[in-house]
């Protein structure tokens, strides 16, 4: 199946940042080696085949990362991915605790086409190594964004007179302003305690699960460690999966999640950035594995005061992704079971957020209507002046009960488990009443 670059990037569950049409995009110099191939109109993405490096032979050791393009059409894609080394498996899992130690690496890959066989490893480093300057942790889920701050500079120049050039016929001093963008790249990593480390950099109460960040003047690094990103709930059980989105085409200014949290995006400030992340499984129930969003401050290393959207969407979720379409930011995430279920929520920066799942009130109406229908349908009709035996209804009633409870569990998961149990008790009570009527 042939797909466009944008669809292909979504298939890779990655973030694609594209400047809006007609908007000036800051440029940056990339030192890429070897030379990347020319851009093609479409590309085939095959998620059941290995992805190869540019030599067509080496399988990429690249996982848990994100793909982004910092420039416009023709500029390279960068894939920030974790490397777990050569792993062996025994039929049930990976041997040698692969991926659970402090020797995970961060690789920066580049490609102009996203095709397998076009990727070049531009740089790689092991964050837990002493020379990196990063804390000793087990790292996962690498994401990188570009931070652009337009700056105005005052200049002065002098021009000497020339009888042969009418434009330079006097000596004068000129003053004015010129625009120049300060560009910085920020790398975010999910640090956790591994089998051979404690990840002591994460704050108390985080269960050694937090987001750490570093910066570089180049998209390929090296990235200098800057510290832990102080996201909400970090000290209340820690942070798990996350995504970072820079809203370079924001309209109406970059505000906080509820419209009153952050400063507007001006020509002297970087565009607003958001982190979509889940509370880890170590958070107290029922708040574990719940999704939330928070706006970063201008440094992209701290957070905006009161810039948290709180918890939203379905429970027991992971693997978030955030993107903009029109005036709305969309948060995508899935159930904590690979490819089992998916959830979508919309987040308007100035209007809060809403989930595409039904509200608790709607669920209550559904349960009440279903209970009433079961009760009404179980009333014995008269056939030839005689009641139909009640035991004929019990197998059907039991089957319907199991189907409904199973469906509710898939849709509502644990959050509405109490409602499911209540419905089950009501149906069992109804069945017993029908039996005793005989």
Protein backbone atom coordinates (compact mmCIF):
# COMPACT_ATOMS: atom_id res chain seq x y z
CA UNK A 1 0.00 0.00 0.00
CA UNK A 2 1.36 3.39 -0.97
CA UNK A 3 0.89 6.24 1.46
CA UNK A 4 1.95 9.88 1.60
CA UNK A 5 4.76 11.12 3.86
CA UNK A 6 2.26 12.45 6.39
CA UNK A 7 0.24 9.25 6.59
CA UNK A 8 3.42 7.21 6.70
CA UNK A 9 4.64 9.19 9.65
CA UNK A 10 1.41 8.57 11.52
CA UNK A 11 1.73 4.88 10.76
CA UNK A 12 5.08 5.03 12.53
CA UNK A 13 3.28 6.61 15.48
CA UNK A 14 5.53 9.65 15.17
CA UNK A 15 5.15 13.39 15.33
CA UNK A 16 5.57 15.46 12.18
CA UNK A 17 6.06 19.17 12.63
CA UNK A 18 5.37 21.13 9.46
CA UNK A 19 5.41 24.90 9.11
CA UNK A 20 2.13 26.37 7.90
CA UNK A 21 1.94 27.32 4.24
CA UNK A 22 3.39 30.72 3.63
CA UNK A 23 4.96 30.98 7.09
CA UNK A 24 8.68 31.67 7.30
CA UNK A 25 10.58 28.73 8.71
CA UNK A 26 13.94 29.19 10.45
CA UNK A 27 16.70 27.33 8.70
CA UNK A 28 19.47 25.30 10.24
CA UNK A 29 22.56 23.67 8.85
CA UNK A 30 22.65 19.88 9.03
CA UNK A 31 25.87 17.94 8.67
CA UNK A 32 24.60 14.68 7.23
CA UNK A 33 26.76 11.83 6.04
CA UNK A 34 26.48 10.12 3.67
CA UNK A 35 24.39 12.25 1.34
CA UNK A 36 20.67 11.48 1.58
CA UNK A 37 18.63 10.44 -1.42
CA UNK A 38 16.20 12.77 -3.14
CA UNK A 39 12.63 13.11 -1.96
CA UNK A 40 10.10 10.77 -3.58
CA UNK A 41 6.38 11.37 -3.87
CA UNK A 42 5.32 8.38 -1.79
CA UNK A 43 6.81 5.65 0.33
CA UNK A 44 5.85 2.13 1.37
CA UNK A 45 5.75 1.52 5.13
CA UNK A 46 5.90 -2.13 6.12
CA UNK A 47 5.54 -2.70 9.85
CA UNK A 48 5.99 -6.48 9.66
CA UNK A 49 9.42 -6.37 8.02
CA UNK A 50 12.74 -5.22 9.56
CA UNK A 51 13.80 -1.63 8.92
CA UNK A 52 17.24 -1.34 7.37
CA UNK A 53 19.96 1.29 7.47
CA UNK A 54 21.26 2.95 4.28
CA UNK A 55 23.51 0.00 3.44
CA UNK A 56 20.44 -2.20 3.01
CA UNK A 57 21.98 -4.90 5.22
CA UNK A 58 22.11 -3.56 8.78
CA UNK A 59 18.84 -3.89 10.71
CA UNK A 60 18.25 -0.69 12.66
CA UNK A 61 18.52 -0.95 16.43
CA UNK A 62 15.88 1.76 16.87
CA UNK A 63 12.87 1.51 19.21
CA UNK A 64 10.57 3.57 21.44
CA UNK A 65 11.32 6.82 19.63
CA UNK A 66 9.76 9.61 17.60
CA UNK A 67 10.22 10.90 14.06
CA UNK A 68 10.10 14.59 13.21
CA UNK A 69 11.06 17.03 10.47
CA UNK A 70 12.32 20.42 11.59
CA UNK A 71 12.28 22.13 8.21
CA UNK A 72 9.95 22.31 5.24
CA UNK A 73 9.66 19.99 2.23
CA UNK A 74 13.01 18.57 1.20
CA UNK A 75 14.53 18.75 4.66
CA UNK A 76 15.44 15.47 6.38
CA UNK A 77 13.42 13.50 8.86
CA UNK A 78 15.10 12.74 12.17
CA UNK A 79 14.31 9.57 14.08
CA UNK A 80 15.26 9.72 17.77
CA UNK A 81 15.22 6.12 18.96
CA UNK A 82 16.40 3.88 21.75
CA UNK A 83 18.95 1.17 21.10
CA UNK A 84 18.82 -2.02 23.16
CA UNK A 85 21.70 -3.88 21.59
CA UNK A 86 21.64 -7.39 20.19
CA UNK A 87 18.94 -9.26 22.07
CA UNK A 88 18.28 -12.98 22.07
CA UNK A 89 14.98 -14.54 22.99
CA UNK A 90 14.02 -17.88 24.42
CA UNK A 91 10.49 -18.15 23.09
CA UNK A 92 8.94 -16.41 26.07
CA UNK A 93 10.97 -13.21 26.37
CA UNK A 94 14.34 -11.54 25.91
CA UNK A 95 17.38 -13.10 27.54
CA UNK A 96 20.00 -11.09 29.46
CA UNK A 97 17.38 -8.58 30.64
CA UNK A 98 17.74 -6.75 27.33
CA UNK A 99 16.42 -3.18 27.54
CA UNK A 100 16.11 -3.21 31.34
CA UNK A 101 19.66 -2.10 32.12
CA UNK A 102 21.55 1.19 32.06
CA UNK A 103 23.30 0.42 28.77
CA UNK A 104 20.44 1.59 26.53
CA UNK A 105 21.59 4.09 23.89
CA UNK A 106 19.96 7.02 22.11
CA UNK A 107 20.48 7.08 18.37
CA UNK A 108 19.73 9.96 15.98
CA UNK A 109 18.82 8.60 12.54
CA UNK A 110 18.07 10.64 9.44
CA UNK A 111 16.32 10.05 6.14
CA UNK A 112 14.68 12.15 3.45
CA UNK A 113 12.14 9.52 2.45
CA UNK A 114 11.31 7.41 5.54
CA UNK A 115 11.98 4.33 3.41
CA UNK A 116 13.68 1.27 4.80
CA UNK A 117 17.27 1.33 3.52
CA UNK A 118 17.48 5.12 3.54
CA UNK A 119 18.29 5.70 7.23
CA UNK A 120 21.72 6.92 8.38
CA UNK A 121 22.85 6.88 12.01
CA UNK A 122 24.12 10.43 12.58
CA UNK A 123 25.04 10.07 16.25
CA UNK A 124 24.59 7.78 19.22
CA UNK A 125 25.33 8.05 22.93
CA UNK A 126 24.71 6.14 26.14
CA UNK A 127 23.07 8.56 28.61
CA UNK A 128 24.08 6.49 31.66
CA UNK A 129 27.76 6.55 30.82
CA UNK A 130 29.83 8.83 33.11
CA UNK A 131 31.14 10.93 30.21
CA UNK A 132 27.62 11.83 29.00
CA UNK A 133 26.80 13.95 32.04
CA UNK A 134 23.33 12.41 32.30
CA UNK A 135 22.15 10.54 35.45
CA UNK A 136 22.56 6.79 35.74
CA UNK A 137 19.12 5.46 34.76
CA UNK A 138 17.48 3.04 32.38
CA UNK A 139 16.20 5.22 29.56
CA UNK A 140 13.22 4.78 27.26
CA UNK A 141 11.03 6.80 24.85
CA UNK A 142 13.21 9.49 23.28
CA UNK A 143 11.57 12.63 21.86
CA UNK A 144 13.19 15.79 20.50
CA UNK A 145 11.77 19.18 19.53
CA UNK A 146 13.13 22.40 18.08
CA UNK A 147 12.95 25.58 20.16
CA UNK A 148 12.96 28.72 18.04
CA UNK A 149 13.18 32.22 19.50
CA UNK A 150 13.03 35.02 16.90
CA UNK A 151 15.32 37.84 17.97
CA UNK A 152 15.65 41.39 16.65
CA UNK A 153 19.17 42.86 16.40
CA UNK A 154 20.17 46.47 15.88
CA UNK A 155 22.80 47.07 13.19
CA UNK A 156 24.77 50.02 11.86
CA UNK A 157 26.83 50.32 8.69
CA UNK A 158 28.69 52.98 6.69
CA UNK A 159 28.91 53.37 2.93
CA UNK A 160 31.73 55.24 1.17
CA UNK A 161 31.06 57.65 -1.69
CA UNK A 162 31.63 56.65 -5.28
CA UNK A 163 31.27 58.80 -8.37
CA UNK A 164 30.60 55.70 -10.50
CA UNK A 165 27.75 54.35 -8.38
CA UNK A 166 24.66 56.44 -7.85
CA UNK A 167 23.62 54.23 -4.94
CA UNK A 168 26.86 55.01 -3.08
CA UNK A 169 27.30 58.67 -3.85
CA UNK A 170 27.59 59.71 -0.22
CA UNK A 171 29.25 58.54 2.94
CA UNK A 172 26.63 57.85 5.54
CA UNK A 173 25.89 55.72 8.57
CA UNK A 174 22.74 53.56 8.43
CA UNK A 175 20.94 51.98 11.34
CA UNK A 176 18.09 49.50 11.47
CA UNK A 177 17.03 46.09 12.67
CA UNK A 178 17.40 42.61 11.31
CA UNK A 179 15.68 39.40 12.37
CA UNK A 180 17.59 36.32 13.37
CA UNK A 181 16.26 33.16 14.99
CA UNK A 182 17.96 31.48 17.93
CA UNK A 183 17.52 27.73 17.42
CA UNK A 184 17.95 25.07 20.09
CA UNK A 185 17.04 21.39 20.14
CA UNK A 186 15.67 19.74 23.28
CA UNK A 187 15.87 15.98 23.86
CA UNK A 188 13.50 14.33 26.36
CA UNK A 189 14.01 10.86 27.82
CA UNK A 190 11.90 8.76 30.18
CA UNK A 191 14.28 7.76 32.96
CA UNK A 192 13.46 4.83 35.26
CA UNK A 193 15.17 2.60 37.77
CA UNK A 194 16.56 -0.50 36.05
CA UNK A 195 17.94 -3.79 37.21
CA UNK A 196 21.39 -2.26 37.71
CA UNK A 197 20.55 1.32 38.80
CA UNK A 198 18.20 3.32 41.01
CA UNK A 199 17.78 6.44 38.81
CA UNK A 200 18.30 8.65 41.86
CA UNK A 201 17.80 11.82 39.75
CA UNK A 202 14.03 11.33 39.80
CA UNK A 203 12.42 13.15 42.75
CA UNK A 204 11.07 11.52 45.86
CA UNK A 205 7.63 10.03 45.38
CA UNK A 206 8.20 9.36 41.69
CA UNK A 207 9.10 5.69 42.16
CA UNK A 208 12.15 6.53 40.02
CA UNK A 209 10.03 7.33 36.94
CA UNK A 210 10.45 10.81 35.48
CA UNK A 211 11.22 12.84 32.35
CA UNK A 212 14.76 14.21 31.92
CA UNK A 213 15.88 16.72 29.30
CA UNK A 214 19.02 18.00 27.57
CA UNK A 215 19.75 20.60 24.90
CA UNK A 216 21.95 20.97 21.83
CA UNK A 217 22.60 23.53 19.09
CA UNK A 218 22.33 20.73 16.52
CA UNK A 219 19.53 18.22 15.89
CA UNK A 220 22.12 15.44 15.98
CA UNK A 221 23.59 16.44 19.35
CA UNK A 222 25.53 16.20 21.54
CA UNK A 223 22.82 16.94 24.11
CA UNK A 224 23.86 18.53 27.39
CA UNK A 225 21.85 17.36 30.40
CA UNK A 226 19.68 20.11 31.96
CA UNK A 227 17.61 18.33 34.59
CA UNK A 228 14.26 16.74 35.39
CA UNK A 229 11.19 18.31 33.77
CA UNK A 230 8.93 19.16 36.75
CA UNK A 231 5.69 17.84 35.30
CA UNK A 232 2.61 17.59 37.48
CA UNK A 233 2.13 14.23 39.24
CA UNK A 234 5.85 13.36 38.95
CA UNK A 235 6.14 13.12 42.74
CA UNK A 236 2.82 11.24 42.99
CA UNK A 237 3.80 7.92 41.45
CA UNK A 238 5.94 9.00 38.52
CA UNK A 239 5.59 9.47 34.75
CA UNK A 240 5.35 6.84 32.01
CA UNK A 241 4.78 7.15 28.25
CA UNK A 242 4.78 10.68 26.84
CA UNK A 243 4.84 12.84 23.72
CA UNK A 244 6.03 16.42 23.20
CA UNK A 245 4.36 18.73 20.69
CA UNK A 246 5.50 22.22 19.63
CA UNK A 247 2.54 24.13 18.24
CA UNK A 248 4.35 26.12 15.53
CA UNK A 249 1.12 26.96 13.72
CA UNK A 250 -0.86 27.99 16.78
CA UNK A 251 -3.53 30.60 16.11
CA UNK A 252 -4.77 33.00 18.71
CA UNK A 253 -1.59 32.78 20.75
CA UNK A 254 -0.22 29.96 22.83
CA UNK A 255 -2.24 29.72 26.01
CA UNK A 256 -2.44 27.18 28.76
CA UNK A 257 -4.70 24.15 28.68
CA UNK A 258 -7.61 26.15 30.11
CA UNK A 259 -6.95 29.40 28.26
CA UNK A 260 -5.52 31.37 31.17
CA UNK A 261 -2.28 29.59 32.05
CA UNK A 262 0.42 30.79 29.70
CA UNK A 263 1.63 33.83 27.81
CA UNK A 264 0.70 34.38 24.18
CA UNK A 265 3.19 33.40 21.49
CA UNK A 266 4.86 36.56 20.25
CA UNK A 267 7.73 37.26 17.89
CA UNK A 268 10.07 37.39 20.87
CA UNK A 269 9.02 34.09 22.42
CA UNK A 270 9.11 30.49 21.22
CA UNK A 271 5.88 28.82 20.11
CA UNK A 272 3.94 26.98 22.84
CA UNK A 273 4.93 23.41 23.64
CA UNK A 274 2.91 20.71 25.37
CA UNK A 275 3.68 17.35 26.97
CA UNK A 276 1.03 14.64 26.75
CA UNK A 277 1.89 11.93 29.26
CA UNK A 278 0.49 9.19 31.45
CA UNK A 279 0.76 8.67 35.15
CA UNK A 280 2.68 5.48 35.78
CA UNK A 281 1.31 2.24 37.15
CA UNK A 282 2.88 3.16 40.51
CA UNK A 283 0.41 6.04 40.95
CA UNK A 284 -2.33 5.42 43.53
CA UNK A 285 -5.50 3.87 42.08
CA UNK A 286 -7.70 4.90 40.36
CA UNK A 287 -5.21 7.46 38.99
CA UNK A 288 -2.61 5.04 37.63
CA UNK A 289 -2.31 4.67 33.85
CA UNK A 290 -4.34 7.87 33.29
CA UNK A 291 -3.52 10.49 30.66
CA UNK A 292 -2.83 14.17 31.26
CA UNK A 293 -1.34 17.19 29.48
CA UNK A 294 0.78 20.15 30.59
CA UNK A 295 2.19 23.20 28.85
CA UNK A 296 5.92 23.83 29.00
CA UNK A 297 7.38 27.26 29.70
CA UNK A 298 9.50 29.25 27.22
CA UNK A 299 12.62 27.24 28.01
CA UNK A 300 10.87 23.95 27.21
CA UNK A 301 12.60 22.65 30.35
CA UNK A 302 10.06 23.85 32.93
CA UNK A 303 6.29 24.09 33.08
CA UNK A 304 3.75 26.91 33.00
CA UNK A 305 2.10 27.54 36.35
CA UNK A 306 -1.48 26.24 36.35
CA UNK A 307 -0.87 24.89 32.85
CA UNK A 308 -2.06 21.35 33.54
CA UNK A 309 -5.19 19.93 31.92
CA UNK A 310 -5.66 17.40 34.71
CA UNK A 311 -6.63 13.81 34.00
CA UNK A 312 -8.85 13.07 31.02
CA UNK A 313 -9.94 10.28 28.72
CA UNK A 314 -10.31 6.58 29.45
CA UNK A 315 -8.33 4.83 32.21
CA UNK A 316 -5.65 2.16 31.78
CA UNK A 317 -4.04 3.74 28.70
CA UNK A 318 -0.56 4.32 27.24
CA UNK A 319 1.35 5.33 24.07
CA UNK A 320 0.15 8.95 23.60
CA UNK A 321 0.55 11.16 20.54
CA UNK A 322 -0.46 14.82 20.19
CA UNK A 323 -1.07 16.82 16.99
CA UNK A 324 -3.05 19.78 15.68
CA UNK A 325 -5.80 19.89 13.09
CA UNK A 326 -7.48 23.25 12.57
CA UNK A 327 -8.24 24.89 15.90
CA UNK A 328 -8.07 21.64 17.87
CA UNK A 329 -5.25 19.62 19.40
CA UNK A 330 -5.91 15.88 19.28
CA UNK A 331 -4.58 13.46 21.89
CA UNK A 332 -4.33 9.83 20.79
CA UNK A 333 -3.56 6.95 23.12
CA UNK A 334 -4.35 3.26 23.42
CA UNK A 335 -5.31 0.70 26.01
CA UNK A 336 -2.46 -0.84 28.03
CA UNK A 337 -2.49 -3.89 25.80
CA UNK A 338 -0.76 -3.63 22.43
CA UNK A 339 -3.26 -3.05 19.60
CA UNK A 340 -6.25 -3.92 21.82
CA UNK A 341 -8.20 -0.66 21.83
CA UNK A 342 -7.73 3.01 21.01
CA UNK A 343 -8.96 6.28 22.47
CA UNK A 344 -9.09 9.77 21.03
CA UNK A 345 -9.62 13.00 22.93
CA UNK A 346 -9.66 16.57 21.69
CA UNK A 347 -7.97 19.44 23.50
CA UNK A 348 -8.70 23.06 22.60
CA UNK A 349 -5.97 25.19 24.22
CA UNK A 350 -8.49 27.90 25.14
CA UNK A 351 -11.46 25.67 25.96
CA UNK A 352 -10.17 22.73 27.99
CA UNK A 353 -10.63 19.17 26.74
CA UNK A 354 -13.24 16.53 26.01
CA UNK A 355 -13.14 12.79 25.46
CA UNK A 356 -14.79 11.03 22.56
CA UNK A 357 -16.06 8.35 24.97
CA UNK A 358 -19.62 8.71 26.40
CA UNK A 359 -20.01 10.58 29.67
CA UNK A 360 -20.81 8.82 32.97
CA UNK A 361 -24.36 10.21 32.74
CA UNK A 362 -24.80 8.62 29.32
CA UNK A 363 -23.52 5.31 30.69
CA UNK A 364 -26.05 5.50 33.54
CA UNK A 365 -28.89 6.03 31.06
CA UNK A 366 -27.73 3.04 28.98
CA UNK A 367 -27.57 0.80 32.05
CA UNK A 368 -31.01 1.92 33.25
CA UNK A 369 -32.60 1.40 29.83
CA UNK A 370 -31.02 -2.03 29.45
CA UNK A 371 -32.21 -3.12 32.89
CA UNK A 372 -35.73 -1.97 32.09
CA UNK A 373 -35.71 -3.81 28.73
CA UNK A 374 -34.55 -7.05 30.35
CA UNK A 375 -37.26 -6.77 33.02
CA UNK A 376 -39.97 -5.98 30.48
CA UNK A 377 -38.83 -8.68 28.06
CA UNK A 378 -38.88 -11.25 30.83
CA UNK A 379 -42.58 -10.73 31.57
CA UNK A 380 -44.31 -13.99 30.59
CA UNK A 381 -46.57 -13.59 27.55
CA UNK A 382 -49.77 -15.63 27.37
CA UNK A 383 -49.82 -18.41 24.83
CA UNK A 384 -53.19 -20.13 24.39
CA UNK A 385 -54.31 -18.69 27.70
CA UNK A 386 -51.30 -20.12 29.56
CA UNK A 387 -48.05 -18.55 30.76
CA UNK A 388 -44.85 -19.62 29.01
CA UNK A 389 -42.51 -21.43 31.50
CA UNK A 390 -40.01 -19.04 33.06
CA UNK A 391 -37.06 -21.42 32.80
CA UNK A 392 -37.11 -20.90 29.01
CA UNK A 393 -35.90 -17.35 29.59
CA UNK A 394 -32.98 -18.16 31.89
CA UNK A 395 -30.42 -19.36 29.28
CA UNK A 396 -31.10 -16.31 27.14
CA UNK A 397 -30.90 -14.04 30.17
CA UNK A 398 -27.56 -15.52 31.25
CA UNK A 399 -26.13 -15.16 27.75
CA UNK A 400 -27.22 -11.54 27.43
CA UNK A 401 -25.76 -10.78 30.87
CA UNK A 402 -22.35 -12.17 29.93
CA UNK A 403 -22.29 -10.30 26.62
CA UNK A 404 -23.27 -6.99 28.17
CA UNK A 405 -20.81 -7.25 31.05
CA UNK A 406 -18.02 -8.20 28.63
CA UNK A 407 -18.81 -5.26 26.33
CA UNK A 408 -19.00 -2.82 29.21
CA UNK A 409 -15.66 -4.05 30.51
CA UNK A 410 -14.03 -3.43 27.13
CA UNK A 411 -15.53 0.04 26.75
CA UNK A 412 -15.48 1.32 30.31
CA UNK A 413 -12.61 -0.83 31.62
CA UNK A 414 -12.02 -0.58 35.37
CA UNK A 415 -13.46 2.92 35.88
CA UNK A 416 -17.06 1.69 35.65
CA UNK A 417 -16.53 -1.74 37.17
CA UNK A 418 -18.88 -0.85 40.02
CA UNK A 419 -21.67 -0.12 37.54
CA UNK A 420 -21.05 -3.47 35.84
CA UNK A 421 -21.28 -5.34 39.15
CA UNK A 422 -24.47 -3.50 40.03
CA UNK A 423 -26.01 -4.43 36.68
CA UNK A 424 -24.97 -8.05 37.12
CA UNK A 425 -26.54 -8.19 40.59
CA UNK A 426 -29.77 -6.71 39.26
CA UNK A 427 -29.94 -9.27 36.49
CA UNK A 428 -29.19 -12.15 38.86
CA UNK A 429 -31.90 -10.89 41.21
CA UNK A 430 -34.33 -10.69 38.34
CA UNK A 431 -33.51 -14.25 37.30
CA UNK A 432 -34.10 -15.52 40.84
CA UNK A 433 -37.44 -13.71 41.00
CA UNK A 434 -38.49 -15.35 37.75
CA UNK A 435 -37.50 -18.78 39.05
CA UNK A 436 -39.40 -18.39 42.34
CA UNK A 437 -42.50 -17.27 40.44
CA UNK A 438 -42.75 -20.83 39.18
